[in-house]
């Protein structure tokens, strides 16, 4: 009986492992798209800084907002921008949210300024403290409490 020599099996196995290692080494590294968008925002909006990332959320800071974050790959959305400020909103906050929304969702700034300001200004005695609306394929949700107001701008996964 002639059997295979252990030398042939080892050389075949080591050749396969070497080819597998080369394939993994040649694979390009994928950057987080959320981090790339946050870097783009920080580069184009004056005063905006990247604070830190946790999970799928990148936290940002800006003098016009109390809280600012950019979320990626949620359960029912592909990307989300969240901003919070005092209940009495200043024009700088409207400008920040409009500019950031335009850059994140690649929509003209005039359209994002119109949509976000409509949502934020509709909150009141007649319409309530939570407004949900859709504008230019963006889902906008504005809420307010006694001391703060916030806006969440999302794009659904299918769009």
C-alpha atoms as a PDB file:
ATOM      1  CA  UNK A   1       0.000   0.000   0.000  1.00  0.00           C
ATOM      2  CA  UNK A   2       1.212   3.362  -0.894  1.00  0.00           C
ATOM      3  CA  UNK A   3      -0.026   6.262   1.170  1.00  0.00           C
ATOM      4  CA  UNK A   4       0.450   9.928   0.993  1.00  0.00           C
ATOM      5  CA  UNK A   5       3.515  11.218   2.593  1.00  0.00           C
ATOM      6  CA  UNK A   6       3.047  13.748   5.390  1.00  0.00           C
ATOM      7  CA  UNK A   7       5.300  16.142   3.519  1.00  0.00           C
ATOM      8  CA  UNK A   8       2.801  16.639   0.639  1.00  0.00           C
ATOM      9  CA  UNK A   9      -0.111  17.311   2.989  1.00  0.00           C
ATOM     10  CA  UNK A  10       1.878  19.853   4.986  1.00  0.00           C
ATOM     11  CA  UNK A  11       3.058  21.718   1.917  1.00  0.00           C
ATOM     12  CA  UNK A  12      -0.489  21.851   0.506  1.00  0.00           C
ATOM     13  CA  UNK A  13      -1.895  23.023   3.847  1.00  0.00           C
ATOM     14  CA  UNK A  14       0.797  25.632   4.350  1.00  0.00           C
ATOM     15  CA  UNK A  15       0.309  26.890   0.779  1.00  0.00           C
ATOM     16  CA  UNK A  16      -3.440  27.269   1.387  1.00  0.00           C
ATOM     17  CA  UNK A  17      -2.858  29.133   4.661  1.00  0.00           C
ATOM     18  CA  UNK A  18      -0.343  31.417   2.981  1.00  0.00           C
ATOM     19  CA  UNK A  19      -2.822  32.217   0.181  1.00  0.00           C
ATOM     20  CA  UNK A  20      -5.583  32.904   2.751  1.00  0.00           C
ATOM     21  CA  UNK A  21      -3.327  35.234   4.751  1.00  0.00           C
ATOM     22  CA  UNK A  22      -2.376  37.108   1.586  1.00  0.00           C
ATOM     23  CA  UNK A  23      -6.050  37.535   0.676  1.00  0.00           C
ATOM     24  CA  UNK A  24      -6.878  39.063   4.065  1.00  0.00           C
ATOM     25  CA  UNK A  25      -3.800  41.295   4.003  1.00  0.00           C
ATOM     26  CA  UNK A  26      -4.754  42.656   0.570  1.00  0.00           C
ATOM     27  CA  UNK A  27      -8.366  43.470   1.599  1.00  0.00           C
ATOM     28  CA  UNK A  28      -8.851  47.218   1.954  1.00  0.00           C
ATOM     29  CA  UNK A  29      -9.783  48.624   5.350  1.00  0.00           C
ATOM     30  CA  UNK A  30     -13.272  50.134   5.454  1.00  0.00           C
ATOM     31  CA  UNK A  31     -13.694  53.394   7.306  1.00  0.00           C
ATOM     32  CA  UNK A  32     -16.828  54.218   9.234  1.00  0.00           C
ATOM     33  CA  UNK A  33     -19.068  56.319   6.944  1.00  0.00           C
ATOM     34  CA  UNK A  34     -20.517  58.099   9.985  1.00  0.00           C
ATOM     35  CA  UNK A  35     -17.053  59.262  11.025  1.00  0.00           C
ATOM     36  CA  UNK A  36     -16.362  60.464   7.488  1.00  0.00           C
ATOM     37  CA  UNK A  37     -19.572  62.526   7.466  1.00  0.00           C
ATOM     38  CA  UNK A  38     -18.725  63.946  10.909  1.00  0.00           C
ATOM     39  CA  UNK A  39     -15.258  64.987   9.684  1.00  0.00           C
ATOM     40  CA  UNK A  40     -16.848  66.636   6.661  1.00  0.00           C
ATOM     41  CA  UNK A  41     -19.273  68.527   8.923  1.00  0.00           C
ATOM     42  CA  UNK A  42     -16.470  69.663  11.215  1.00  0.00           C
ATOM     43  CA  UNK A  43     -14.488  70.900   8.239  1.00  0.00           C
ATOM     44  CA  UNK A  44     -17.341  72.882   6.689  1.00  0.00           C
ATOM     45  CA  UNK A  45     -19.279  74.288   9.670  1.00  0.00           C
ATOM     46  CA  UNK A  46     -17.429  76.856  11.744  1.00  0.00           C
ATOM     47  CA  UNK A  47     -17.262  76.020  15.453  1.00  0.00           C
ATOM     48  CA  UNK A  48     -18.330  72.379  15.038  1.00  0.00           C
ATOM     49  CA  UNK A  49     -16.059  69.810  16.671  1.00  0.00           C
ATOM     50  CA  UNK A  50     -16.140  66.020  16.900  1.00  0.00           C
ATOM     51  CA  UNK A  51     -16.428  64.995  20.540  1.00  0.00           C
ATOM     52  CA  UNK A  52     -16.364  61.165  20.538  1.00  0.00           C
ATOM     53  CA  UNK A  53     -17.988  58.096  18.953  1.00  0.00           C
ATOM     54  CA  UNK A  54     -19.885  55.362  20.758  1.00  0.00           C
ATOM     55  CA  UNK A  55     -21.531  52.535  18.873  1.00  0.00           C
ATOM     56  CA  UNK A  56     -23.206  53.937  15.779  1.00  0.00           C
ATOM     57  CA  UNK A  57     -23.408  57.489  17.140  1.00  0.00           C
ATOM     58  CA  UNK A  58     -20.868  60.276  16.739  1.00  0.00           C
ATOM     59  CA  UNK A  59     -21.295  63.082  19.271  1.00  0.00           C
ATOM     60  CA  UNK A  60     -20.490  66.603  18.126  1.00  0.00           C
ATOM     61  CA  UNK A  61     -20.211  69.958  19.890  1.00  0.00           C
ATOM     62  CA  UNK A  62     -21.172  73.447  18.737  1.00  0.00           C
ATOM     63  CA  UNK A  63     -21.759  76.685  20.687  1.00  0.00           C
ATOM     64  CA  UNK A  64     -25.314  77.051  19.295  1.00  0.00           C
ATOM     65  CA  UNK A  65     -26.486  73.597  20.468  1.00  0.00           C
ATOM     66  CA  UNK A  66     -26.652  71.894  23.870  1.00  0.00           C
ATOM     67  CA  UNK A  67     -26.447  68.448  22.253  1.00  0.00           C
ATOM     68  CA  UNK A  68     -25.593  67.429  18.716  1.00  0.00           C
ATOM     69  CA  UNK A  69     -25.147  63.914  17.380  1.00  0.00           C
ATOM     70  CA  UNK A  70     -24.972  61.978  14.133  1.00  0.00           C
ATOM     71  CA  UNK A  71     -26.288  58.406  14.107  1.00  0.00           C
ATOM     72  CA  UNK A  72     -25.764  55.797  11.413  1.00  0.00           C
ATOM     73  CA  UNK A  73     -27.415  52.468  10.582  1.00  0.00           C
ATOM     74  CA  UNK A  74     -30.319  52.273  12.967  1.00  0.00           C
ATOM     75  CA  UNK A  75     -33.167  49.777  12.908  1.00  0.00           C
ATOM     76  CA  UNK A  76     -35.427  51.811  10.631  1.00  0.00           C
ATOM     77  CA  UNK A  77     -33.186  54.620   9.350  1.00  0.00           C
ATOM     78  CA  UNK A  78     -29.956  54.918   7.431  1.00  0.00           C
ATOM     79  CA  UNK A  79     -28.732  58.150   8.993  1.00  0.00           C
ATOM     80  CA  UNK A  80     -29.975  60.521  11.707  1.00  0.00           C
ATOM     81  CA  UNK A  81     -29.078  64.021  12.896  1.00  0.00           C
ATOM     82  CA  UNK A  82     -30.144  65.094  16.400  1.00  0.00           C
ATOM     83  CA  UNK A  83     -29.825  68.607  17.849  1.00  0.00           C
ATOM     84  CA  UNK A  84     -31.027  70.139  21.130  1.00  0.00           C
ATOM     85  CA  UNK A  85     -31.064  73.733  22.371  1.00  0.00           C
ATOM     86  CA  UNK A  86     -32.865  76.050  24.768  1.00  0.00           C
ATOM     87  CA  UNK A  87     -36.611  76.477  24.362  1.00  0.00           C
ATOM     88  CA  UNK A  88     -36.068  79.980  23.004  1.00  0.00           C
ATOM     89  CA  UNK A  89     -34.212  79.084  19.822  1.00  0.00           C
ATOM     90  CA  UNK A  90     -31.664  81.489  18.404  1.00  0.00           C
ATOM     91  CA  UNK A  91     -31.032  82.097  14.683  1.00  0.00           C
ATOM     92  CA  UNK A  92     -27.601  80.447  15.060  1.00  0.00           C
ATOM     93  CA  UNK A  93     -29.325  77.169  15.980  1.00  0.00           C
ATOM     94  CA  UNK A  94     -31.562  77.309  12.899  1.00  0.00           C
ATOM     95  CA  UNK A  95     -28.515  77.994  10.735  1.00  0.00           C
ATOM     96  CA  UNK A  96     -26.551  75.128  12.333  1.00  0.00           C
ATOM     97  CA  UNK A  97     -29.345  72.587  11.880  1.00  0.00           C
ATOM     98  CA  UNK A  98     -30.066  73.715   8.322  1.00  0.00           C
ATOM     99  CA  UNK A  99     -26.396  73.606   7.301  1.00  0.00           C
ATOM    100  CA  UNK A 100     -25.728  70.242   8.948  1.00  0.00           C
ATOM    101  CA  UNK A 101     -28.868  68.706   7.440  1.00  0.00           C
ATOM    102  CA  UNK A 102     -27.914  69.971   3.985  1.00  0.00           C
ATOM    103  CA  UNK A 103     -24.440  68.437   4.242  1.00  0.00           C
ATOM    104  CA  UNK A 104     -25.504  65.126   5.792  1.00  0.00           C
ATOM    105  CA  UNK A 105     -28.463  64.406   3.516  1.00  0.00           C
ATOM    106  CA  UNK A 106     -27.164  66.149   0.351  1.00  0.00           C
ATOM    107  CA  UNK A 107     -30.227  68.358   0.001  1.00  0.00           C
ATOM    108  CA  UNK A 108     -30.044  72.062  -0.964  1.00  0.00           C
ATOM    109  CA  UNK A 109     -29.537  74.299   2.062  1.00  0.00           C
ATOM    110  CA  UNK A 110     -32.582  76.446   1.250  1.00  0.00           C
ATOM    111  CA  UNK A 111     -34.809  73.353   1.405  1.00  0.00           C
ATOM    112  CA  UNK A 112     -33.336  72.125   4.676  1.00  0.00           C
ATOM    113  CA  UNK A 113     -33.593  75.572   6.254  1.00  0.00           C
ATOM    114  CA  UNK A 114     -37.268  75.731   5.249  1.00  0.00           C
ATOM    115  CA  UNK A 115     -38.086  72.222   6.510  1.00  0.00           C
ATOM    116  CA  UNK A 116     -36.266  72.406   9.822  1.00  0.00           C
ATOM    117  CA  UNK A 117     -37.528  75.897  10.687  1.00  0.00           C
ATOM    118  CA  UNK A 118     -41.105  74.880   9.823  1.00  0.00           C
ATOM    119  CA  UNK A 119     -40.887  71.906  12.152  1.00  0.00           C
ATOM    120  CA  UNK A 120     -39.312  73.868  15.005  1.00  0.00           C
ATOM    121  CA  UNK A 121     -41.691  76.831  14.691  1.00  0.00           C
ATOM    122  CA  UNK A 122     -44.870  74.698  14.563  1.00  0.00           C
ATOM    123  CA  UNK A 123     -44.531  73.599  18.165  1.00  0.00           C
ATOM    124  CA  UNK A 124     -46.860  75.575  20.383  1.00  0.00           C
ATOM    125  CA  UNK A 125     -50.183  75.767  22.177  1.00  0.00           C
ATOM    126  CA  UNK A 126     -52.289  74.864  19.145  1.00  0.00           C
ATOM    127  CA  UNK A 127     -50.233  72.018  17.681  1.00  0.00           C
ATOM    128  CA  UNK A 128     -48.644  70.617  20.831  1.00  0.00           C
ATOM    129  CA  UNK A 129     -45.125  69.890  21.990  1.00  0.00           C
ATOM    130  CA  UNK A 130     -44.314  67.133  19.471  1.00  0.00           C
ATOM    131  CA  UNK A 131     -44.441  67.698  15.721  1.00  0.00           C
ATOM    132  CA  UNK A 132     -43.756  64.958  13.179  1.00  0.00           C
ATOM    133  CA  UNK A 133     -43.564  65.892   9.526  1.00  0.00           C
ATOM    134  CA  UNK A 134     -42.059  64.827   6.231  1.00  0.00           C
ATOM    135  CA  UNK A 135     -40.239  67.284   3.982  1.00  0.00           C
ATOM    136  CA  UNK A 136     -38.137  66.527   0.876  1.00  0.00           C
ATOM    137  CA  UNK A 137     -37.819  62.783   1.654  1.00  0.00           C
ATOM    138  CA  UNK A 138     -36.674  63.595   5.201  1.00  0.00           C
ATOM    139  CA  UNK A 139     -38.536  62.632   8.372  1.00  0.00           C
ATOM    140  CA  UNK A 140     -38.494  65.488  10.873  1.00  0.00           C
ATOM    141  CA  UNK A 141     -39.517  65.187  14.515  1.00  0.00           C
ATOM    142  CA  UNK A 142     -39.466  68.230  16.774  1.00  0.00           C
ATOM    143  CA  UNK A 143     -40.148  68.100  20.508  1.00  0.00           C
ATOM    144  CA  UNK A 144     -40.005  70.598  23.340  1.00  0.00           C
ATOM    145  CA  UNK A 145     -40.145  70.579  27.093  1.00  0.00           C
ATOM    146  CA  UNK A 146     -40.389  73.456  29.539  1.00  0.00           C
ATOM    147  CA  UNK A 147     -36.712  74.321  29.089  1.00  0.00           C
ATOM    148  CA  UNK A 148     -35.457  72.647  25.869  1.00  0.00           C
ATOM    149  CA  UNK A 149     -36.345  72.060  22.225  1.00  0.00           C
ATOM    150  CA  UNK A 150     -34.914  69.364  19.966  1.00  0.00           C
ATOM    151  CA  UNK A 151     -35.095  68.201  16.380  1.00  0.00           C
ATOM    152  CA  UNK A 152     -34.372  64.805  14.866  1.00  0.00           C
ATOM    153  CA  UNK A 153     -33.888  64.560  11.108  1.00  0.00           C
ATOM    154  CA  UNK A 154     -33.880  61.055   9.594  1.00  0.00           C
ATOM    155  CA  UNK A 155     -33.830  59.414   6.221  1.00  0.00           C
ATOM    156  CA  UNK A 156     -35.507  56.008   5.991  1.00  0.00           C
ATOM    157  CA  UNK A 157     -33.489  52.981   4.908  1.00  0.00           C
ATOM    158  CA  UNK A 158     -35.413  52.589   1.670  1.00  0.00           C
ATOM    159  CA  UNK A 159     -34.583  56.102   0.392  1.00  0.00           C
END
